[in-house]
Structures are given as structure tokens and as C-alpha cells.
Amino acid sequence: MTSGDFPLDQDGVWCEVYARPDGRRPALFLDRDGVIVEETGYLRRVEDIALIPGAAAAIANANARGVPVVIVTNQAGIGRGMFGWDVFLTVQQTINERLTREGARIDAVYATPHHSEGVGEFAHPNHPARKPNPGMLLRAGTALNIDLAASWLAGDKLSDMEAAKNAGLAGGLHVLTGHGRSERDRILQWRADNGFDVRLGGSLIEAMQLSILAS
């Protein structure tokens, strides 16, 4: 497959929209690995995909409330040449299918391969789409007419919370799944220093219960 076979924009960022909401509304942004599926380290094999307990139910809750659910994921494995977009597509389609079987739906997926240690066209010291930069969230905001100022992002890393702040979101939801346990202390200090609304949960479904999107 060539790059023309995939939904890549002019910067090489994956921008795939499955459904657009009617009217302007807040969204639930989700990091993928470590939040929706178990962190395996550069997920590239279908047999390694495992939904985190409760993740599908949390997404289904957002679906039922008319809240668009958008994945925003850094994919350094592509940038470093470990696998290609064809592998990413197969993995993402499988995740979507498993969520669908549990009554949950993703509305859009954004992914950036760019990395300071990337190879070829993916080498970039600080690409504006790579979290903690807000590029993927801003792209989704435009494409889906999202009210970013009322939206939330759930993630397991400090870079997720920073991306939420940099995009002007209402707040971040930090989970202990994935890299969450090793990141929690840094996030607590960052929250204290920045005054950004970060709410804490053990997993996505717990964190969602602390968000205004679940009220």
C-alpha cells in the first residue's frame, strides 16, 4: 500500500472521520494505547489487542449522550520504522470491531507518526500534531465542529494532559491504566503548577464519572 491508500493529510497525519455530529458540541478525546486497550509497547499485532475493562462501557455512555468520541494517538512505532500504516489500519479496525461488539462507537481517529527520533519524512524535533502539542485535537475540532472549550481528553501520560491544555479543552481525565501509575505524581505536580482541571480515575470508566460529559 502507498500513502495515497490512507486518510493522511498534507502533513502525514492520519485523519479518519467515521461520523460527524449534527451541530456544535463537546467531544471526548481519548488516547488509545493504555486507555482503551492495554499498553503493549508499540501495538502492532492483532493478537495483542485487549480492551481495558470498562472502556467500551465508558465510550458507549458518551455515544448515548451524543458526545463525539475521538481517538488522538501518537504512533512513534510508525515514525521509527517499526511498522507501517497498513499495520496501524488493521489494528485500529480490529479495535473498532471489538468496541462495536460491546455497543460502543468511535467517531474519528487521528494519529501522528512524527518523532524526534523518526526516520525519513517522519523525523521532526517537535511536530505540532504530536502530543503534547494540540495539532490532532485542533484538526478534529475543525472537521467535526467540536466545542473544544467544553471538551475533555482522557489519557495515561502527562503529554495527554498538556495536549488538552494546549488545545484549550475544559480539562483532562488521568487514568492509572497504561503508563498512568508511573505518571500520576508528575501530573499532580503539573496540575498544581498550572491550575488546569485534571480529574483522576483508575480507568476510563471511573474517570468518565468525574467528567461533566458524564453528567
C-alpha atoms as a PDB file:
ATOM      1  CA  MET A   1       0.000   0.000   0.000  1.00  0.00           C
ATOM      2  CA  THR A   2       1.081   3.577  -0.641  1.00  0.00           C
ATOM      3  CA  SER A   3       0.390   6.713   1.389  1.00  0.00           C
ATOM      4  CA  GLY A   4      -2.397   7.508  -1.072  1.00  0.00           C
ATOM      5  CA  ASP A   5      -4.328   4.486   0.215  1.00  0.00           C
ATOM      6  CA  PHE A   6      -4.669   6.008   3.677  1.00  0.00           C
ATOM      7  CA  PRO A   7      -6.511   9.071   5.087  1.00  0.00           C
ATOM      8  CA  LEU A   8      -3.378  11.189   5.556  1.00  0.00           C
ATOM      9  CA  ASP A   9      -3.350  14.975   5.359  1.00  0.00           C
ATOM     10  CA  GLN A  10      -0.603  17.053   3.776  1.00  0.00           C
ATOM     11  CA  ASP A  11       1.493  16.750   6.949  1.00  0.00           C
ATOM     12  CA  GLY A  12       1.267  12.977   7.022  1.00  0.00           C
ATOM     13  CA  VAL A  13      -1.200  12.902   9.943  1.00  0.00           C
ATOM     14  CA  TRP A  14      -3.864  10.185   9.918  1.00  0.00           C
ATOM     15  CA  CYS A  15      -7.279  11.927   9.890  1.00  0.00           C
ATOM     16  CA  GLU A  16     -10.174   9.481   9.648  1.00  0.00           C
ATOM     17  CA  VAL A  17     -13.720  10.597  10.405  1.00  0.00           C
ATOM     18  CA  TYR A  18     -16.456   7.951  10.573  1.00  0.00           C
ATOM     19  CA  ALA A  19     -19.354  10.185  11.636  1.00  0.00           C
ATOM     20  CA  ARG A  20     -19.910  13.913  12.045  1.00  0.00           C
ATOM     21  CA  PRO A  21     -22.298  15.176  14.740  1.00  0.00           C
ATOM     22  CA  ASP A  22     -25.180  17.464  13.954  1.00  0.00           C
ATOM     23  CA  GLY A  23     -24.370  20.884  15.336  1.00  0.00           C
ATOM     24  CA  ARG A  24     -21.568  22.078  17.555  1.00  0.00           C
ATOM     25  CA  ARG A  25     -20.952  20.049  20.702  1.00  0.00           C
ATOM     26  CA  PRO A  26     -18.214  19.000  23.127  1.00  0.00           C
ATOM     27  CA  ALA A  27     -16.239  15.825  22.497  1.00  0.00           C
ATOM     28  CA  LEU A  28     -14.489  13.134  24.477  1.00  0.00           C
ATOM     29  CA  PHE A  29     -10.920  12.798  23.210  1.00  0.00           C
ATOM     30  CA  LEU A  30      -9.153   9.553  24.049  1.00  0.00           C
ATOM     31  CA  ASP A  31      -5.577   8.429  23.940  1.00  0.00           C
ATOM     32  CA  ARG A  32      -5.663   4.866  22.632  1.00  0.00           C
ATOM     33  CA  ASP A  33      -2.900   2.613  23.986  1.00  0.00           C
ATOM     34  CA  GLY A  34      -3.129   2.406  27.760  1.00  0.00           C
ATOM     35  CA  VAL A  35      -6.597   3.987  27.868  1.00  0.00           C
ATOM     36  CA  ILE A  36      -8.844   1.989  25.516  1.00  0.00           C
ATOM     37  CA  VAL A  37      -6.571  -1.012  25.007  1.00  0.00           C
ATOM     38  CA  GLU A  38      -3.832  -2.457  27.173  1.00  0.00           C
ATOM     39  CA  GLU A  39      -0.394  -0.929  26.710  1.00  0.00           C
ATOM     40  CA  THR A  40       1.882  -3.450  24.990  1.00  0.00           C
ATOM     41  CA  GLY A  41       4.618  -1.166  23.692  1.00  0.00           C
ATOM     42  CA  TYR A  42       4.150  -0.239  20.026  1.00  0.00           C
ATOM     43  CA  LEU A  43       0.942  -2.199  19.485  1.00  0.00           C
ATOM     44  CA  ARG A  44       1.211  -3.825  16.060  1.00  0.00           C
ATOM     45  CA  ARG A  45      -0.207  -7.335  16.378  1.00  0.00           C
ATOM     46  CA  VAL A  46      -3.908  -8.076  16.388  1.00  0.00           C
ATOM     47  CA  GLU A  47      -3.358 -10.919  18.845  1.00  0.00           C
ATOM     48  CA  ASP A  48      -2.004  -8.414  21.394  1.00  0.00           C
ATOM     49  CA  ILE A  49      -5.162  -6.269  21.405  1.00  0.00           C
ATOM     50  CA  ALA A  50      -7.020  -6.368  24.728  1.00  0.00           C
ATOM     51  CA  LEU A  51      -9.729  -3.884  25.642  1.00  0.00           C
ATOM     52  CA  ILE A  52      -9.268  -2.410  29.099  1.00  0.00           C
ATOM     53  CA  PRO A  53     -12.224  -3.406  31.290  1.00  0.00           C
ATOM     54  CA  GLY A  54     -14.911  -0.739  31.277  1.00  0.00           C
ATOM     55  CA  ALA A  55     -13.501   1.197  28.328  1.00  0.00           C
ATOM     56  CA  ALA A  56     -16.237   0.112  25.929  1.00  0.00           C
ATOM     57  CA  ALA A  57     -18.921   0.955  28.504  1.00  0.00           C
ATOM     58  CA  ALA A  58     -17.443   4.436  29.000  1.00  0.00           C
ATOM     59  CA  ILE A  59     -17.399   5.065  25.258  1.00  0.00           C
ATOM     60  CA  ALA A  60     -20.952   3.725  24.904  1.00  0.00           C
ATOM     61  CA  ASN A  61     -22.009   6.152  27.637  1.00  0.00           C
ATOM     62  CA  ALA A  62     -20.621   9.049  25.633  1.00  0.00           C
ATOM     63  CA  ASN A  63     -22.290   7.711  22.481  1.00  0.00           C
ATOM     64  CA  ALA A  64     -25.654   7.565  24.235  1.00  0.00           C
ATOM     65  CA  ARG A  65     -25.309  11.211  25.298  1.00  0.00           C
ATOM     66  CA  GLY A  66     -24.480  12.385  21.788  1.00  0.00           C
ATOM     67  CA  VAL A  67     -20.857  13.161  22.689  1.00  0.00           C
ATOM     68  CA  PRO A  68     -18.450  12.543  19.789  1.00  0.00           C
ATOM     69  CA  VAL A  69     -15.598  10.186  20.744  1.00  0.00           C
ATOM     70  CA  VAL A  70     -12.275  10.924  19.048  1.00  0.00           C
ATOM     71  CA  ILE A  71      -9.050   8.955  19.359  1.00  0.00           C
ATOM     72  CA  VAL A  72      -5.854  11.036  19.295  1.00  0.00           C
ATOM     73  CA  THR A  73      -2.767   8.840  19.362  1.00  0.00           C
ATOM     74  CA  ASN A  74       0.968   9.335  18.939  1.00  0.00           C
ATOM     75  CA  GLN A  75       2.343   6.462  16.851  1.00  0.00           C
ATOM     76  CA  ALA A  76       6.106   6.615  17.240  1.00  0.00           C
ATOM     77  CA  GLY A  77       6.373   2.993  16.111  1.00  0.00           C
ATOM     78  CA  ILE A  78       5.489   4.136  12.602  1.00  0.00           C
ATOM     79  CA  GLY A  79       7.844   7.086  12.839  1.00  0.00           C
ATOM     80  CA  ARG A  80      10.704   4.837  13.904  1.00  0.00           C
ATOM     81  CA  GLY A  81      10.051   2.436  11.033  1.00  0.00           C
ATOM     82  CA  MET A  82       8.889  -0.468  13.209  1.00  0.00           C
ATOM     83  CA  PHE A  83       5.655  -0.900  11.235  1.00  0.00           C
ATOM     84  CA  GLY A  84       3.600   0.936   8.630  1.00  0.00           C
ATOM     85  CA  TRP A  85       0.185   2.477   8.179  1.00  0.00           C
ATOM     86  CA  ASP A  86      -1.159  -0.829   6.868  1.00  0.00           C
ATOM     87  CA  VAL A  87      -0.478  -2.412  10.263  1.00  0.00           C
ATOM     88  CA  PHE A  88      -1.976   0.572  12.074  1.00  0.00           C
ATOM     89  CA  LEU A  89      -5.119   0.278   9.938  1.00  0.00           C
ATOM     90  CA  THR A  90      -5.543  -3.425  10.686  1.00  0.00           C
ATOM     91  CA  VAL A  91      -5.076  -2.868  14.418  1.00  0.00           C
ATOM     92  CA  GLN A  92      -7.467   0.094  14.516  1.00  0.00           C
ATOM     93  CA  GLN A  93     -10.141  -1.711  12.514  1.00  0.00           C
ATOM     94  CA  THR A  94      -9.923  -4.623  14.937  1.00  0.00           C
ATOM     95  CA  ILE A  95     -10.259  -2.299  17.936  1.00  0.00           C
ATOM     96  CA  ASN A  96     -13.288  -0.665  16.307  1.00  0.00           C
ATOM     97  CA  GLU A  97     -14.878  -4.049  15.671  1.00  0.00           C
ATOM     98  CA  ARG A  98     -14.398  -5.186  19.251  1.00  0.00           C
ATOM     99  CA  LEU A  99     -15.847  -1.952  20.577  1.00  0.00           C
ATOM    100  CA  THR A 100     -18.819  -2.330  18.247  1.00  0.00           C
ATOM    101  CA  ARG A 101     -19.497  -5.805  19.636  1.00  0.00           C
ATOM    102  CA  GLU A 102     -19.752  -4.194  23.077  1.00  0.00           C
ATOM    103  CA  GLY A 103     -22.092  -1.461  21.896  1.00  0.00           C
ATOM    104  CA  ALA A 104     -19.514   1.320  21.604  1.00  0.00           C
ATOM    105  CA  ARG A 105     -18.557   3.524  18.667  1.00  0.00           C
ATOM    106  CA  ILE A 106     -15.565   5.705  17.774  1.00  0.00           C
ATOM    107  CA  ASP A 107     -16.426   8.751  15.666  1.00  0.00           C
ATOM    108  CA  ALA A 108     -12.940   9.696  14.437  1.00  0.00           C
ATOM    109  CA  VAL A 109      -9.291   8.658  14.700  1.00  0.00           C
ATOM    110  CA  TYR A 110      -6.263  10.935  14.481  1.00  0.00           C
ATOM    111  CA  ALA A 111      -2.713   9.604  14.624  1.00  0.00           C
ATOM    112  CA  THR A 112       0.690  11.167  14.125  1.00  0.00           C
ATOM    113  CA  PRO A 113       3.875   9.196  13.382  1.00  0.00           C
ATOM    114  CA  HIS A 114       6.233  12.141  13.806  1.00  0.00           C
ATOM    115  CA  HIS A 115       9.022  11.831  16.357  1.00  0.00           C
ATOM    116  CA  SER A 116      12.352  13.422  17.155  1.00  0.00           C
ATOM    117  CA  GLU A 117      13.930  10.004  16.521  1.00  0.00           C
ATOM    118  CA  GLY A 118      11.809   9.284  13.466  1.00  0.00           C
ATOM    119  CA  VAL A 119      13.196   8.178  10.136  1.00  0.00           C
ATOM    120  CA  GLY A 120      12.811   9.922   6.793  1.00  0.00           C
ATOM    121  CA  GLU A 121       9.732  12.081   6.436  1.00  0.00           C
ATOM    122  CA  PHE A 122       8.638  11.236   9.994  1.00  0.00           C
ATOM    123  CA  ALA A 123      11.685  12.826  11.615  1.00  0.00           C
ATOM    124  CA  HIS A 124      10.670  16.040  13.334  1.00  0.00           C
ATOM    125  CA  PRO A 125      12.014  17.651  16.510  1.00  0.00           C
ATOM    126  CA  ASN A 126       8.613  18.836  17.743  1.00  0.00           C
ATOM    127  CA  HIS A 127       5.805  18.272  15.268  1.00  0.00           C
ATOM    128  CA  PRO A 128       2.698  20.380  16.025  1.00  0.00           C
ATOM    129  CA  ALA A 129       0.466  17.294  15.782  1.00  0.00           C
ATOM    130  CA  ARG A 130       2.415  15.176  18.267  1.00  0.00           C
ATOM    131  CA  LYS A 131       1.123  15.382  21.825  1.00  0.00           C
ATOM    132  CA  PRO A 132       1.746  17.398  23.991  1.00  0.00           C
ATOM    133  CA  ASN A 133       1.145  19.717  21.031  1.00  0.00           C
ATOM    134  CA  PRO A 134      -2.528  20.198  20.146  1.00  0.00           C
ATOM    135  CA  GLY A 135      -2.481  19.611  16.381  1.00  0.00           C
ATOM    136  CA  MET A 136      -4.572  16.444  16.293  1.00  0.00           C
ATOM    137  CA  LEU A 137      -7.201  17.929  18.604  1.00  0.00           C
ATOM    138  CA  LEU A 138      -7.381  21.120  16.562  1.00  0.00           C
ATOM    139  CA  ARG A 139      -7.800  19.133  13.348  1.00  0.00           C
ATOM    140  CA  ALA A 140     -10.656  17.174  14.885  1.00  0.00           C
ATOM    141  CA  GLY A 141     -12.198  20.347  16.249  1.00  0.00           C
ATOM    142  CA  THR A 142     -12.433  21.791  12.762  1.00  0.00           C
ATOM    143  CA  ALA A 143     -13.519  18.603  10.995  1.00  0.00           C
ATOM    144  CA  LEU A 144     -16.261  17.668  13.477  1.00  0.00           C
ATOM    145  CA  ASN A 145     -17.312  21.185  14.567  1.00  0.00           C
ATOM    146  CA  ILE A 146     -16.326  20.388  18.167  1.00  0.00           C
ATOM    147  CA  ASP A 147     -16.675  22.829  21.039  1.00  0.00           C
ATOM    148  CA  LEU A 148     -13.109  22.411  22.274  1.00  0.00           C
ATOM    149  CA  ALA A 149     -13.594  24.675  25.284  1.00  0.00           C
ATOM    150  CA  ALA A 150     -16.198  22.249  26.660  1.00  0.00           C
ATOM    151  CA  SER A 151     -14.357  19.038  25.713  1.00  0.00           C
ATOM    152  CA  TRP A 152     -12.221  16.624  27.742  1.00  0.00           C
ATOM    153  CA  LEU A 153      -9.286  14.343  26.990  1.00  0.00           C
ATOM    154  CA  ALA A 154      -8.598  11.074  28.796  1.00  0.00           C
ATOM    155  CA  GLY A 155      -5.039   9.812  28.851  1.00  0.00           C
ATOM    156  CA  ASP A 156      -2.404   7.988  30.850  1.00  0.00           C
ATOM    157  CA  LYS A 157       0.502  10.381  30.291  1.00  0.00           C
ATOM    158  CA  LEU A 158       1.410  13.937  31.178  1.00  0.00           C
ATOM    159  CA  SER A 159       1.685  14.691  27.463  1.00  0.00           C
ATOM    160  CA  ASP A 160      -2.049  13.937  27.150  1.00  0.00           C
ATOM    161  CA  MET A 161      -2.929  16.444  29.852  1.00  0.00           C
ATOM    162  CA  GLU A 162      -0.604  19.023  28.298  1.00  0.00           C
ATOM    163  CA  ALA A 163      -2.224  18.493  24.893  1.00  0.00           C
ATOM    164  CA  ALA A 164      -5.645  19.053  26.436  1.00  0.00           C
ATOM    165  CA  LYS A 165      -4.490  22.326  27.966  1.00  0.00           C
ATOM    166  CA  ASN A 166      -2.707  23.432  24.800  1.00  0.00           C
ATOM    167  CA  ALA A 167      -5.867  22.804  22.748  1.00  0.00           C
ATOM    168  CA  GLY A 168      -7.980  24.885  25.119  1.00  0.00           C
ATOM    169  CA  LEU A 169     -10.047  21.977  26.442  1.00  0.00           C
ATOM    170  CA  ALA A 170     -12.099  22.176  29.624  1.00  0.00           C
ATOM    171  CA  GLY A 171      -9.985  19.545  31.340  1.00  0.00           C
ATOM    172  CA  GLY A 172      -8.201  16.228  31.348  1.00  0.00           C
ATOM    173  CA  LEU A 173      -9.026  12.828  32.794  1.00  0.00           C
ATOM    174  CA  HIS A 174      -5.975  10.935  34.028  1.00  0.00           C
ATOM    175  CA  VAL A 175      -6.173   7.158  34.370  1.00  0.00           C
ATOM    176  CA  LEU A 176      -3.911   4.661  36.122  1.00  0.00           C
ATOM    177  CA  THR A 177      -4.004   2.149  33.281  1.00  0.00           C
ATOM    178  CA  GLY A 178      -1.155   2.046  30.766  1.00  0.00           C
ATOM    179  CA  HIS A 179       1.640   4.331  31.970  1.00  0.00           C
ATOM    180  CA  GLY A 180      -0.719   6.041  34.388  1.00  0.00           C
ATOM    181  CA  ARG A 181       0.771   4.857  37.668  1.00  0.00           C
ATOM    182  CA  SER A 182       4.266   5.996  36.790  1.00  0.00           C
ATOM    183  CA  GLU A 183       2.934   9.339  35.521  1.00  0.00           C
ATOM    184  CA  ARG A 184       0.479  10.213  38.324  1.00  0.00           C
ATOM    185  CA  ASP A 185       2.919  12.072  40.614  1.00  0.00           C
ATOM    186  CA  ARG A 186       4.210  14.224  37.756  1.00  0.00           C
ATOM    187  CA  ILE A 187       0.661  15.019  36.721  1.00  0.00           C
ATOM    188  CA  LEU A 188      -0.343  16.017  40.239  1.00  0.00           C
ATOM    189  CA  GLN A 189       2.593  18.424  40.388  1.00  0.00           C
ATOM    190  CA  TRP A 190       1.850  19.765  36.918  1.00  0.00           C
ATOM    191  CA  ARG A 191      -1.815  20.289  37.831  1.00  0.00           C
ATOM    192  CA  ALA A 192      -0.786  22.228  40.926  1.00  0.00           C
ATOM    193  CA  ASP A 193       1.612  24.382  38.917  1.00  0.00           C
ATOM    194  CA  ASN A 194      -0.758  25.069  36.024  1.00  0.00           C
ATOM    195  CA  GLY A 195      -4.213  25.150  37.581  1.00  0.00           C
ATOM    196  CA  PHE A 196      -5.611  23.008  34.762  1.00  0.00           C
ATOM    197  CA  ASP A 197      -8.637  20.881  35.649  1.00  0.00           C
ATOM    198  CA  VAL A 198      -7.318  17.312  35.742  1.00  0.00           C
ATOM    199  CA  ARG A 199      -9.602  14.707  37.297  1.00  0.00           C
ATOM    200  CA  LEU A 200      -8.257  11.380  38.473  1.00  0.00           C
ATOM    201  CA  GLY A 201      -9.617   7.882  37.993  1.00  0.00           C
ATOM    202  CA  GLY A 202      -8.336   4.356  37.990  1.00  0.00           C
ATOM    203  CA  SER A 203      -9.585   3.643  34.482  1.00  0.00           C
ATOM    204  CA  LEU A 204     -11.527   5.358  31.718  1.00  0.00           C
ATOM    205  CA  ILE A 205     -14.932   4.416  33.067  1.00  0.00           C
ATOM    206  CA  GLU A 206     -14.012   5.725  36.546  1.00  0.00           C
ATOM    207  CA  ALA A 207     -12.560   8.926  35.130  1.00  0.00           C
ATOM    208  CA  MET A 208     -15.641   9.493  32.978  1.00  0.00           C
ATOM    209  CA  GLN A 209     -17.795   9.517  36.096  1.00  0.00           C
ATOM    210  CA  LEU A 210     -15.823  12.574  37.239  1.00  0.00           C
ATOM    211  CA  SER A 211     -16.336  14.458  33.991  1.00  0.00           C
ATOM    212  CA  ILE A 212     -19.128  16.872  33.156  1.00  0.00           C
ATOM    213  CA  LEU A 213     -19.568  14.851  29.968  1.00  0.00           C
ATOM    214  CA  ALA A 214     -20.987  12.027  32.070  1.00  0.00           C
ATOM    215  CA  SER A 215     -23.444  14.218  33.962  1.00  0.00           C
END
